[in-house]
Amino acid sequence: MLFLMGESVRKKSSPLGQRPCAICNREQSFFHVQEVNYFTFFAVPLLPISTVADYCQCEVCQTAYADENQSLPSHVDLVRIVTTYILTGYGMANQVRIIQEIGRKISESDFATTDIKAISRRLEVEDVMRKLEESSSTMNAFGKIKIIEAAFLSTHVCCEIQYEDRLRINLMGNALGVSIQIVEHAIQEVRRKKYYGVHRLLPTQSAT
């Protein structure tokens, strides 16, 4: 009897019309995307259990936005948060240029000094893992991969990655609801792109 019951994620999308896309830098057609986890009986969805994803997506570049009124893609703020969080954790908070470079190259948007300062204040009271988990439903796979890329690249510029460093990146992927395989894919993308041209920091540079 237990084999007759289960869960299944169902995805649906509905057109939203034209709206500006920050990545395409022009108006594009958008869709509202929802993924809902259902309780199933004989593979028939009966009751919704939870919302797995709920976002708006550009039809052309596939970038996700938290809702149709947001001007920035839903992953951008989290790329900035993760980058600032990791470099600060390695004692590199004063490396503003590197933080900006990583944030800009991965999110394809400007990362102002004032934004770094604001995020640093938020990090005093916010839990990054919880923030990732709470925001995961506003992103598609592309956005989540960008966040993992930011986590890996930020770690790479600070140190030779050890077990605990990779574990942190894996945990971020887990908070976003992605598999280890997706995390590995994001890491390989950063390597394939030659680390986005970002130079590594030497230990002595943290004091400059």
N, C-alpha and C. Protein backbone atom coordinates (compact mmCIF):
# COMPACT_ATOMS: atom_id res chain seq x y z
N MET A 1 0.82 -1.21 0.00
CA MET A 1 0.00 0.00 0.00
C MET A 1 0.86 1.26 0.00
N LEU A 2 1.98 1.18 0.73
CA LEU A 2 2.85 2.35 0.81
C LEU A 2 3.42 2.72 -0.55
N PHE A 3 3.62 1.71 -1.41
CA PHE A 3 4.19 1.98 -2.73
C PHE A 3 3.21 2.74 -3.63
N LEU A 4 1.95 2.76 -3.25
CA LEU A 4 0.94 3.46 -4.04
C LEU A 4 0.92 4.95 -3.73
N MET A 5 1.52 5.32 -2.60
CA MET A 5 1.55 6.73 -2.19
C MET A 5 2.95 7.30 -2.36
N GLY A 6 3.02 8.57 -2.64
CA GLY A 6 4.33 9.20 -2.80
C GLY A 6 4.21 10.70 -2.97
N GLU A 7 5.25 11.29 -3.52
CA GLU A 7 5.29 12.73 -3.78
C GLU A 7 5.79 12.97 -5.19
N SER A 8 5.34 14.07 -5.76
CA SER A 8 5.76 14.41 -7.11
C SER A 8 5.74 15.93 -7.28
N VAL A 9 6.78 16.46 -7.92
CA VAL A 9 6.85 17.90 -8.18
C VAL A 9 6.27 18.19 -9.56
N ARG A 10 5.31 19.09 -9.60
CA ARG A 10 4.69 19.48 -10.86
C ARG A 10 5.04 20.94 -11.15
N LYS A 11 5.43 21.19 -12.40
CA LYS A 11 5.83 22.53 -12.82
C LYS A 11 4.82 23.10 -13.79
N LYS A 12 4.50 24.38 -13.61
CA LYS A 12 3.62 25.05 -14.56
C LYS A 12 4.13 26.48 -14.78
N SER A 13 3.86 27.01 -15.95
CA SER A 13 4.27 28.38 -16.25
C SER A 13 3.14 29.10 -16.97
N SER A 14 3.04 30.39 -16.73
CA SER A 14 2.01 31.19 -17.37
C SER A 14 2.63 32.50 -17.85
N PRO A 15 2.22 33.00 -19.02
CA PRO A 15 2.83 34.21 -19.57
C PRO A 15 2.51 35.46 -18.76
N LEU A 16 3.49 36.34 -18.65
CA LEU A 16 3.33 37.61 -17.94
C LEU A 16 3.39 38.81 -18.87
N GLY A 17 3.72 38.56 -20.13
CA GLY A 17 3.87 39.67 -21.06
C GLY A 17 5.28 40.24 -21.06
N GLN A 18 5.42 41.44 -21.58
CA GLN A 18 6.72 42.08 -21.71
C GLN A 18 7.10 42.84 -20.44
N ARG A 19 8.39 42.76 -20.10
CA ARG A 19 8.93 43.54 -18.99
C ARG A 19 10.45 43.62 -19.17
N PRO A 20 11.09 44.61 -18.52
CA PRO A 20 12.55 44.78 -18.70
C PRO A 20 13.33 43.63 -18.07
N CYS A 21 14.38 43.20 -18.77
CA CYS A 21 15.31 42.20 -18.24
C CYS A 21 16.67 42.86 -18.06
N ALA A 22 17.20 42.79 -16.85
CA ALA A 22 18.48 43.44 -16.54
C ALA A 22 19.64 42.79 -17.28
N ILE A 23 19.54 41.50 -17.58
CA ILE A 23 20.62 40.79 -18.26
C ILE A 23 20.58 41.05 -19.76
N CYS A 24 19.40 40.97 -20.36
CA CYS A 24 19.25 41.25 -21.79
C CYS A 24 19.35 42.74 -22.09
N ASN A 25 19.12 43.56 -21.06
CA ASN A 25 19.15 45.02 -21.20
C ASN A 25 18.10 45.53 -22.18
N ARG A 26 16.96 44.87 -22.17
CA ARG A 26 15.83 45.28 -23.02
C ARG A 26 14.58 44.56 -22.53
N GLU A 27 13.43 44.96 -23.06
CA GLU A 27 12.19 44.27 -22.69
C GLU A 27 12.12 42.91 -23.39
N GLN A 28 11.68 41.92 -22.62
CA GLN A 28 11.52 40.57 -23.15
C GLN A 28 10.22 39.97 -22.64
N SER A 29 9.83 38.86 -23.23
CA SER A 29 8.66 38.13 -22.73
C SER A 29 9.04 37.39 -21.45
N PHE A 30 8.14 37.44 -20.47
CA PHE A 30 8.38 36.78 -19.19
C PHE A 30 7.28 35.76 -18.89
N PHE A 31 7.66 34.77 -18.06
CA PHE A 31 6.72 33.76 -17.60
C PHE A 31 6.78 33.65 -16.08
N HIS A 32 5.63 33.37 -15.48
CA HIS A 32 5.57 33.07 -14.05
C HIS A 32 5.69 31.56 -13.91
N VAL A 33 6.71 31.12 -13.19
CA VAL A 33 6.99 29.69 -13.03
C VAL A 33 6.70 29.25 -11.60
N GLN A 34 5.99 28.16 -11.45
CA GLN A 34 5.72 27.57 -10.14
C GLN A 34 6.01 26.07 -10.18
N GLU A 35 6.67 25.59 -9.14
CA GLU A 35 6.88 24.16 -8.96
C GLU A 35 6.32 23.78 -7.59
N VAL A 36 5.37 22.88 -7.59
CA VAL A 36 4.68 22.50 -6.35
C VAL A 36 4.85 21.01 -6.11
N ASN A 37 5.19 20.66 -4.88
CA ASN A 37 5.33 19.26 -4.49
C ASN A 37 3.98 18.73 -4.03
N TYR A 38 3.49 17.69 -4.68
CA TYR A 38 2.17 17.12 -4.38
C TYR A 38 2.29 15.75 -3.72
N PHE A 39 1.33 15.48 -2.84
CA PHE A 39 1.13 14.11 -2.36
C PHE A 39 0.39 13.36 -3.47
N THR A 40 0.89 12.18 -3.82
CA THR A 40 0.28 11.43 -4.91
C THR A 40 -0.23 10.07 -4.44
N PHE A 41 -1.25 9.61 -5.13
CA PHE A 41 -1.80 8.27 -4.89
C PHE A 41 -2.00 7.63 -6.26
N PHE A 42 -1.35 6.49 -6.47
CA PHE A 42 -1.31 5.88 -7.80
C PHE A 42 -0.77 6.87 -8.83
N ALA A 43 0.25 7.66 -8.41
CA ALA A 43 0.92 8.65 -9.27
C ALA A 43 0.02 9.82 -9.67
N VAL A 44 -1.16 9.91 -9.04
CA VAL A 44 -2.07 11.02 -9.32
C VAL A 44 -1.89 12.09 -8.24
N PRO A 45 -1.56 13.34 -8.60
CA PRO A 45 -1.38 14.39 -7.60
C PRO A 45 -2.72 14.75 -6.94
N LEU A 46 -2.74 14.70 -5.60
CA LEU A 46 -3.98 14.96 -4.88
C LEU A 46 -3.92 16.24 -4.05
N LEU A 47 -2.88 16.35 -3.21
CA LEU A 47 -2.79 17.49 -2.30
C LEU A 47 -1.43 18.17 -2.43
N PRO A 48 -1.43 19.52 -2.53
CA PRO A 48 -0.15 20.23 -2.55
C PRO A 48 0.50 20.18 -1.16
N ILE A 49 1.79 19.85 -1.11
CA ILE A 49 2.51 19.78 0.15
C ILE A 49 3.32 21.04 0.40
N SER A 50 4.06 21.46 -0.60
CA SER A 50 4.90 22.66 -0.45
C SER A 50 5.22 23.24 -1.82
N THR A 51 5.54 24.54 -1.82
CA THR A 51 5.97 25.21 -3.04
C THR A 51 7.48 25.12 -3.14
N VAL A 52 7.95 24.47 -4.16
CA VAL A 52 9.39 24.27 -4.36
C VAL A 52 10.01 25.49 -5.03
N ALA A 53 9.29 26.08 -5.97
CA ALA A 53 9.81 27.25 -6.68
C ALA A 53 8.66 28.16 -7.09
N ASP A 54 8.94 29.46 -7.06
CA ASP A 54 7.94 30.46 -7.45
C ASP A 54 8.69 31.71 -7.88
N TYR A 55 8.84 31.91 -9.18
CA TYR A 55 9.62 33.04 -9.68
C TYR A 55 9.14 33.44 -11.08
N CYS A 56 9.64 34.56 -11.55
CA CYS A 56 9.39 35.02 -12.91
C CYS A 56 10.66 34.82 -13.72
N GLN A 57 10.52 34.43 -14.97
CA GLN A 57 11.69 34.07 -15.77
C GLN A 57 11.64 34.70 -17.15
N CYS A 58 12.78 35.25 -17.56
CA CYS A 58 12.91 35.81 -18.91
C CYS A 58 12.92 34.66 -19.91
N GLU A 59 12.12 34.79 -20.95
CA GLU A 59 12.03 33.72 -21.94
C GLU A 59 13.33 33.57 -22.74
N VAL A 60 14.08 34.65 -22.90
CA VAL A 60 15.27 34.63 -23.76
C VAL A 60 16.50 34.12 -23.02
N CYS A 61 16.87 34.78 -21.90
CA CYS A 61 18.11 34.40 -21.20
C CYS A 61 17.87 33.44 -20.04
N GLN A 62 16.59 33.16 -19.72
CA GLN A 62 16.22 32.21 -18.67
C GLN A 62 16.56 32.69 -17.26
N THR A 63 16.83 33.98 -17.11
CA THR A 63 17.15 34.52 -15.79
C THR A 63 15.88 34.64 -14.95
N ALA A 64 16.00 34.27 -13.66
CA ALA A 64 14.84 34.29 -12.76
C ALA A 64 14.84 35.54 -11.89
N TYR A 65 13.64 36.04 -11.64
CA TYR A 65 13.41 37.18 -10.75
C TYR A 65 12.43 36.74 -9.67
N ALA A 66 12.59 37.29 -8.47
CA ALA A 66 11.73 36.88 -7.35
C ALA A 66 10.26 37.15 -7.65
N ASP A 67 9.97 38.27 -8.29
CA ASP A 67 8.61 38.58 -8.74
C ASP A 67 8.69 39.57 -9.88
N GLU A 68 7.58 39.87 -10.49
CA GLU A 68 7.59 40.70 -11.70
C GLU A 68 7.92 42.16 -11.43
N ASN A 69 7.97 42.57 -10.17
CA ASN A 69 8.29 43.96 -9.84
C ASN A 69 9.77 44.17 -9.51
N GLN A 70 10.54 43.09 -9.46
CA GLN A 70 11.96 43.19 -9.12
C GLN A 70 12.77 43.59 -10.35
N SER A 71 13.71 44.52 -10.15
CA SER A 71 14.54 44.97 -11.27
C SER A 71 15.81 44.14 -11.41
N LEU A 72 16.24 43.47 -10.33
CA LEU A 72 17.45 42.65 -10.38
C LEU A 72 17.09 41.16 -10.27
N PRO A 73 17.81 40.31 -10.99
CA PRO A 73 17.59 38.86 -10.86
C PRO A 73 17.72 38.40 -9.41
N SER A 74 17.02 37.36 -9.06
CA SER A 74 16.96 36.92 -7.66
C SER A 74 18.28 36.41 -7.12
N HIS A 75 19.21 36.00 -7.99
CA HIS A 75 20.49 35.50 -7.49
C HIS A 75 21.51 36.60 -7.21
N VAL A 76 21.29 37.80 -7.73
CA VAL A 76 22.31 38.86 -7.65
C VAL A 76 22.65 39.23 -6.21
N ASP A 77 21.64 39.50 -5.40
CA ASP A 77 21.90 39.88 -4.01
C ASP A 77 22.61 38.77 -3.26
N LEU A 78 22.26 37.53 -3.56
CA LEU A 78 22.88 36.40 -2.86
C LEU A 78 24.32 36.17 -3.31
N VAL A 79 24.62 36.42 -4.57
CA VAL A 79 26.01 36.38 -5.04
C VAL A 79 26.83 37.40 -4.26
N ARG A 80 26.29 38.58 -4.08
CA ARG A 80 26.98 39.63 -3.34
C ARG A 80 27.16 39.24 -1.87
N ILE A 81 26.12 38.70 -1.28
CA ILE A 81 26.18 38.30 0.13
C ILE A 81 27.23 37.20 0.34
N VAL A 82 27.19 36.17 -0.50
CA VAL A 82 28.12 35.04 -0.36
C VAL A 82 29.56 35.50 -0.56
N THR A 83 29.79 36.34 -1.56
CA THR A 83 31.15 36.84 -1.82
C THR A 83 31.68 37.64 -0.64
N THR A 84 30.87 38.56 -0.14
CA THR A 84 31.28 39.38 1.01
C THR A 84 31.50 38.52 2.24
N TYR A 85 30.60 37.58 2.46
CA TYR A 85 30.67 36.69 3.63
C TYR A 85 31.95 35.87 3.63
N ILE A 86 32.29 35.27 2.50
CA ILE A 86 33.46 34.40 2.44
C ILE A 86 34.75 35.19 2.57
N LEU A 87 34.89 36.28 1.83
CA LEU A 87 36.12 37.05 1.94
C LEU A 87 36.29 37.66 3.33
N THR A 88 35.18 38.08 3.94
CA THR A 88 35.25 38.60 5.31
C THR A 88 35.70 37.50 6.26
N GLY A 89 35.20 36.30 6.06
CA GLY A 89 35.58 35.17 6.91
C GLY A 89 37.05 34.82 6.83
N TYR A 90 37.67 35.12 5.70
CA TYR A 90 39.10 34.87 5.54
C TYR A 90 39.95 36.10 5.88
N GLY A 91 39.32 37.09 6.50
CA GLY A 91 40.04 38.29 6.90
C GLY A 91 40.37 39.22 5.75
N MET A 92 39.60 39.12 4.67
CA MET A 92 39.85 39.92 3.48
C MET A 92 38.78 40.99 3.27
N ALA A 93 38.12 41.43 4.33
CA ALA A 93 37.03 42.39 4.20
C ALA A 93 37.49 43.70 3.57
N ASN A 94 38.78 44.02 3.73
CA ASN A 94 39.29 45.28 3.17
C ASN A 94 39.67 45.16 1.70
N GLN A 95 39.53 43.97 1.13
CA GLN A 95 39.83 43.78 -0.30
C GLN A 95 38.58 44.10 -1.12
N VAL A 96 38.19 45.36 -1.07
CA VAL A 96 36.94 45.80 -1.70
C VAL A 96 36.97 45.56 -3.21
N ARG A 97 38.09 45.83 -3.84
CA ARG A 97 38.17 45.68 -5.30
C ARG A 97 37.92 44.23 -5.72
N ILE A 98 38.48 43.28 -4.97
CA ILE A 98 38.29 41.87 -5.30
C ILE A 98 36.84 41.45 -5.07
N ILE A 99 36.26 41.90 -3.96
CA ILE A 99 34.85 41.60 -3.68
C ILE A 99 33.97 42.12 -4.81
N GLN A 100 34.24 43.35 -5.24
CA GLN A 100 33.47 43.94 -6.33
C GLN A 100 33.67 43.19 -7.64
N GLU A 101 34.91 42.80 -7.91
CA GLU A 101 35.21 42.11 -9.16
C GLU A 101 34.50 40.77 -9.25
N ILE A 102 34.55 40.00 -8.18
CA ILE A 102 33.86 38.70 -8.17
C ILE A 102 32.36 38.89 -8.33
N GLY A 103 31.80 39.80 -7.54
CA GLY A 103 30.37 40.05 -7.61
C GLY A 103 29.93 40.52 -8.99
N ARG A 104 30.72 41.41 -9.58
CA ARG A 104 30.36 41.96 -10.89
C ARG A 104 30.46 40.92 -12.00
N LYS A 105 31.54 40.14 -12.00
CA LYS A 105 31.75 39.19 -13.09
C LYS A 105 30.78 38.01 -13.04
N ILE A 106 30.39 37.60 -11.86
CA ILE A 106 29.48 36.46 -11.77
C ILE A 106 28.02 36.88 -11.92
N SER A 107 27.65 38.02 -11.34
CA SER A 107 26.25 38.45 -11.41
C SER A 107 25.96 39.33 -12.62
N GLU A 108 27.01 39.80 -13.31
CA GLU A 108 26.85 40.69 -14.46
C GLU A 108 26.13 41.98 -14.09
N SER A 109 26.41 42.47 -12.89
CA SER A 109 25.85 43.75 -12.44
C SER A 109 26.86 44.45 -11.55
N ASP A 110 26.77 45.77 -11.50
CA ASP A 110 27.70 46.54 -10.68
C ASP A 110 27.52 46.22 -9.20
N PHE A 111 28.62 46.29 -8.47
CA PHE A 111 28.62 46.00 -7.03
C PHE A 111 29.30 47.17 -6.34
N ALA A 112 28.51 48.12 -5.88
CA ALA A 112 29.03 49.36 -5.31
C ALA A 112 29.61 49.14 -3.92
N THR A 113 30.53 50.02 -3.54
CA THR A 113 31.13 49.97 -2.20
C THR A 113 30.07 50.11 -1.12
N THR A 114 29.08 50.95 -1.38
CA THR A 114 28.00 51.14 -0.41
C THR A 114 27.21 49.84 -0.20
N ASP A 115 27.08 49.04 -1.26
CA ASP A 115 26.39 47.75 -1.14
C ASP A 115 27.19 46.79 -0.26
N ILE A 116 28.52 46.80 -0.41
CA ILE A 116 29.37 45.94 0.41
C ILE A 116 29.23 46.30 1.88
N LYS A 117 29.23 47.60 2.17
CA LYS A 117 29.09 48.05 3.55
C LYS A 117 27.74 47.65 4.13
N ALA A 118 26.70 47.79 3.31
CA ALA A 118 25.35 47.43 3.77
C ALA A 118 25.25 45.93 4.03
N ILE A 119 25.86 45.12 3.16
CA ILE A 119 25.84 43.67 3.35
C ILE A 119 26.64 43.28 4.58
N SER A 120 27.76 43.93 4.81
CA SER A 120 28.58 43.64 6.00
C SER A 120 27.78 43.87 7.27
N ARG A 121 26.96 44.91 7.28
CA ARG A 121 26.11 45.17 8.45
C ARG A 121 25.05 44.08 8.59
N ARG A 122 24.49 43.65 7.46
CA ARG A 122 23.47 42.60 7.50
C ARG A 122 24.04 41.29 8.01
N LEU A 123 25.30 41.01 7.64
CA LEU A 123 25.92 39.75 8.04
C LEU A 123 26.15 39.65 9.54
N GLU A 124 26.08 40.79 10.23
CA GLU A 124 26.23 40.77 11.68
C GLU A 124 25.01 40.14 12.36
N VAL A 125 23.88 40.15 11.66
CA VAL A 125 22.64 39.63 12.26
C VAL A 125 21.99 38.52 11.43
N GLU A 126 22.38 38.36 10.17
CA GLU A 126 21.77 37.36 9.30
C GLU A 126 22.59 36.08 9.25
N ASP A 127 21.91 34.95 9.15
CA ASP A 127 22.55 33.66 8.95
C ASP A 127 22.55 33.37 7.45
N VAL A 128 23.73 33.25 6.86
CA VAL A 128 23.83 33.10 5.42
C VAL A 128 23.16 31.81 4.92
N MET A 129 23.37 30.71 5.61
CA MET A 129 22.78 29.44 5.18
C MET A 129 21.25 29.52 5.21
N ARG A 130 20.72 30.13 6.25
CA ARG A 130 19.26 30.28 6.34
C ARG A 130 18.75 31.18 5.22
N LYS A 131 19.50 32.24 4.93
CA LYS A 131 19.11 33.16 3.86
C LYS A 131 19.06 32.43 2.52
N LEU A 132 20.05 31.59 2.26
CA LEU A 132 20.07 30.81 1.02
C LEU A 132 18.87 29.87 0.94
N GLU A 133 18.59 29.21 2.05
CA GLU A 133 17.47 28.27 2.09
C GLU A 133 16.14 28.98 1.87
N GLU A 134 15.97 30.12 2.53
CA GLU A 134 14.72 30.88 2.41
C GLU A 134 14.53 31.45 1.01
N SER A 135 15.62 31.75 0.33
CA SER A 135 15.54 32.39 -0.99
C SER A 135 15.56 31.40 -2.15
N SER A 136 15.80 30.13 -1.86
CA SER A 136 16.00 29.15 -2.94
C SER A 136 14.80 29.03 -3.88
N SER A 137 13.60 29.23 -3.36
CA SER A 137 12.41 29.07 -4.20
C SER A 137 12.25 30.19 -5.22
N THR A 138 13.00 31.29 -5.05
CA THR A 138 12.89 32.43 -5.98
C THR A 138 13.86 32.31 -7.15
N MET A 139 14.59 31.20 -7.21
CA MET A 139 15.62 31.03 -8.25
C MET A 139 15.43 29.74 -9.03
N ASN A 140 15.92 29.76 -10.26
CA ASN A 140 16.01 28.53 -11.03
C ASN A 140 17.42 27.97 -10.90
N ALA A 141 17.71 26.89 -11.62
CA ALA A 141 19.02 26.24 -11.50
C ALA A 141 20.16 27.17 -11.90
N PHE A 142 19.93 28.00 -12.92
CA PHE A 142 20.96 28.93 -13.38
C PHE A 142 21.40 29.86 -12.26
N GLY A 143 20.44 30.45 -11.54
CA GLY A 143 20.77 31.36 -10.45
C GLY A 143 21.50 30.67 -9.31
N LYS A 144 21.09 29.46 -9.00
CA LYS A 144 21.74 28.71 -7.92
C LYS A 144 23.18 28.36 -8.28
N ILE A 145 23.39 28.02 -9.53
CA ILE A 145 24.76 27.73 -9.99
C ILE A 145 25.64 28.96 -9.86
N LYS A 146 25.11 30.13 -10.16
CA LYS A 146 25.88 31.36 -10.04
C LYS A 146 26.31 31.61 -8.59
N ILE A 147 25.45 31.29 -7.65
CA ILE A 147 25.79 31.47 -6.23
C ILE A 147 26.91 30.51 -5.83
N ILE A 148 26.82 29.26 -6.28
CA ILE A 148 27.88 28.30 -5.99
C ILE A 148 29.19 28.73 -6.65
N GLU A 149 29.11 29.26 -7.85
CA GLU A 149 30.30 29.79 -8.51
C GLU A 149 30.94 30.88 -7.67
N ALA A 150 30.12 31.78 -7.14
CA ALA A 150 30.63 32.87 -6.30
C ALA A 150 31.30 32.33 -5.04
N ALA A 151 30.69 31.31 -4.45
CA ALA A 151 31.26 30.71 -3.23
C ALA A 151 32.61 30.06 -3.52
N PHE A 152 32.69 29.33 -4.62
CA PHE A 152 33.95 28.65 -4.96
C PHE A 152 35.03 29.66 -5.34
N LEU A 153 34.69 30.62 -6.19
CA LEU A 153 35.68 31.60 -6.64
C LEU A 153 36.18 32.45 -5.47
N SER A 154 35.28 32.85 -4.59
CA SER A 154 35.67 33.65 -3.42
C SER A 154 36.62 32.87 -2.52
N THR A 155 36.36 31.58 -2.38
CA THR A 155 37.25 30.74 -1.57
C THR A 155 38.59 30.55 -2.27
N HIS A 156 38.55 30.32 -3.56
CA HIS A 156 39.77 30.08 -4.35
C HIS A 156 40.74 31.26 -4.28
N VAL A 157 40.22 32.48 -4.32
CA VAL A 157 41.13 33.64 -4.33
C VAL A 157 41.79 33.84 -2.97
N CYS A 158 41.22 33.24 -1.93
CA CYS A 158 41.74 33.45 -0.58
C CYS A 158 42.71 32.37 -0.12
N CYS A 159 42.55 31.14 -0.62
CA CYS A 159 43.36 30.05 -0.06
C CYS A 159 43.38 28.83 -0.97
N GLU A 160 44.25 27.89 -0.62
CA GLU A 160 44.20 26.57 -1.24
C GLU A 160 43.04 25.82 -0.57
N ILE A 161 42.08 25.40 -1.37
CA ILE A 161 40.84 24.85 -0.81
C ILE A 161 41.10 23.51 -0.12
N GLN A 162 40.71 23.46 1.16
CA GLN A 162 40.84 22.26 1.99
C GLN A 162 39.46 21.62 2.19
N TYR A 163 39.44 20.52 2.93
CA TYR A 163 38.20 19.78 3.15
C TYR A 163 37.09 20.67 3.71
N GLU A 164 37.41 21.45 4.75
CA GLU A 164 36.39 22.27 5.39
C GLU A 164 35.87 23.38 4.47
N ASP A 165 36.74 23.86 3.57
CA ASP A 165 36.32 24.88 2.61
C ASP A 165 35.33 24.29 1.61
N ARG A 166 35.66 23.11 1.10
CA ARG A 166 34.76 22.45 0.15
C ARG A 166 33.46 22.05 0.84
N LEU A 167 33.53 21.65 2.10
CA LEU A 167 32.33 21.29 2.84
C LEU A 167 31.39 22.48 2.94
N ARG A 168 31.94 23.67 3.19
CA ARG A 168 31.12 24.88 3.27
C ARG A 168 30.39 25.13 1.95
N ILE A 169 31.11 24.96 0.86
CA ILE A 169 30.49 25.15 -0.46
C ILE A 169 29.39 24.12 -0.68
N ASN A 170 29.64 22.87 -0.31
CA ASN A 170 28.62 21.82 -0.44
C ASN A 170 27.39 22.14 0.40
N LEU A 171 27.60 22.67 1.60
CA LEU A 171 26.48 23.01 2.48
C LEU A 171 25.66 24.16 1.90
N MET A 172 26.32 25.08 1.23
CA MET A 172 25.59 26.15 0.56
C MET A 172 24.72 25.58 -0.56
N GLY A 173 25.28 24.62 -1.29
CA GLY A 173 24.49 23.96 -2.32
C GLY A 173 23.30 23.23 -1.73
N ASN A 174 23.51 22.58 -0.59
CA ASN A 174 22.43 21.88 0.09
C ASN A 174 21.34 22.85 0.53
N ALA A 175 21.74 24.02 1.04
CA ALA A 175 20.78 25.04 1.46
C ALA A 175 19.95 25.54 0.28
N LEU A 176 20.57 25.55 -0.90
CA LEU A 176 19.87 25.98 -2.11
C LEU A 176 19.02 24.87 -2.72
N GLY A 177 19.18 23.65 -2.19
CA GLY A 177 18.40 22.54 -2.68
C GLY A 177 18.95 21.89 -3.94
N VAL A 178 20.28 22.02 -4.17
CA VAL A 178 20.87 21.40 -5.35
C VAL A 178 21.76 20.23 -4.93
N SER A 179 22.00 19.34 -5.86
CA SER A 179 22.77 18.13 -5.58
C SER A 179 24.27 18.40 -5.60
N ILE A 180 25.04 17.45 -5.10
CA ILE A 180 26.50 17.53 -5.15
C ILE A 180 26.96 17.61 -6.61
N GLN A 181 26.26 16.94 -7.50
CA GLN A 181 26.62 16.97 -8.91
C GLN A 181 26.50 18.38 -9.49
N ILE A 182 25.47 19.11 -9.06
CA ILE A 182 25.30 20.49 -9.52
C ILE A 182 26.39 21.38 -8.95
N VAL A 183 26.75 21.16 -7.69
CA VAL A 183 27.84 21.91 -7.06
C VAL A 183 29.13 21.68 -7.84
N GLU A 184 29.41 20.43 -8.17
CA GLU A 184 30.62 20.10 -8.92
C GLU A 184 30.59 20.75 -10.31
N HIS A 185 29.42 20.77 -10.93
CA HIS A 185 29.28 21.41 -12.24
C HIS A 185 29.61 22.90 -12.15
N ALA A 186 29.12 23.57 -11.10
CA ALA A 186 29.40 25.00 -10.92
C ALA A 186 30.89 25.25 -10.73
N ILE A 187 31.54 24.40 -9.97
CA ILE A 187 32.98 24.52 -9.73
C ILE A 187 33.75 24.35 -11.04
N GLN A 188 33.36 23.36 -11.82
CA GLN A 188 34.04 23.13 -13.09
C GLN A 188 33.82 24.28 -14.07
N GLU A 189 32.66 24.94 -13.98
CA GLU A 189 32.39 26.10 -14.82
C GLU A 189 33.36 27.23 -14.51
N VAL A 190 33.62 27.45 -13.22
CA VAL A 190 34.57 28.50 -12.82
C VAL A 190 35.96 28.17 -13.35
N ARG A 191 36.35 26.93 -13.25
CA ARG A 191 37.66 26.51 -13.77
C ARG A 191 37.72 26.65 -15.28
N ARG A 192 36.63 26.26 -15.94
CA ARG A 192 36.59 26.35 -17.40
C ARG A 192 36.72 27.79 -17.86
N LYS A 193 36.16 28.71 -17.09
CA LYS A 193 36.21 30.13 -17.43
C LYS A 193 37.46 30.81 -16.88
N LYS A 194 38.45 29.99 -16.51
CA LYS A 194 39.74 30.51 -16.01
C LYS A 194 39.55 31.44 -14.82
N TYR A 195 38.65 31.03 -13.92
CA TYR A 195 38.39 31.76 -12.68
C TYR A 195 37.96 33.21 -12.95
N TYR A 196 37.29 33.40 -14.07
CA TYR A 196 36.78 34.71 -14.47
C TYR A 196 37.88 35.77 -14.54
N GLY A 197 39.12 35.35 -14.61
CA GLY A 197 40.23 36.30 -14.69
C GLY A 197 40.55 36.99 -13.39
N VAL A 198 39.98 36.50 -12.28
CA VAL A 198 40.21 37.11 -10.96
C VAL A 198 41.51 36.56 -10.39
N HIS A 199 42.42 37.45 -10.00
CA HIS A 199 43.71 37.03 -9.45
C HIS A 199 43.57 36.64 -7.98
N ARG A 200 44.35 35.65 -7.59
CA ARG A 200 44.33 35.17 -6.20
C ARG A 200 45.02 36.18 -5.29
N LEU A 201 44.60 36.19 -4.03
CA LEU A 201 45.21 37.04 -3.02
C LEU A 201 46.31 36.27 -2.30
N LEU A 202 47.43 36.91 -2.08
CA LEU A 202 48.46 36.33 -1.23
C LEU A 202 48.15 36.67 0.22
N PRO A 203 48.58 35.86 1.18
CA PRO A 203 48.31 36.15 2.59
C PRO A 203 48.73 37.54 3.02
N THR A 204 49.83 38.06 2.46
CA THR A 204 50.31 39.38 2.86
C THR A 204 49.43 40.50 2.32
N GLN A 205 48.60 40.19 1.30
CA GLN A 205 47.78 41.23 0.71
C GLN A 205 46.60 41.62 1.58
N SER A 206 46.21 40.77 2.51
CA SER A 206 45.05 41.07 3.35
C SER A 206 45.27 42.29 4.22
N ALA A 207 46.52 42.63 4.45
CA ALA A 207 46.82 43.78 5.30
C ALA A 207 47.03 45.05 4.51
N THR A 208 46.92 44.98 3.17
CA THR A 208 47.17 46.16 2.35
C THR A 208 45.89 46.86 1.97
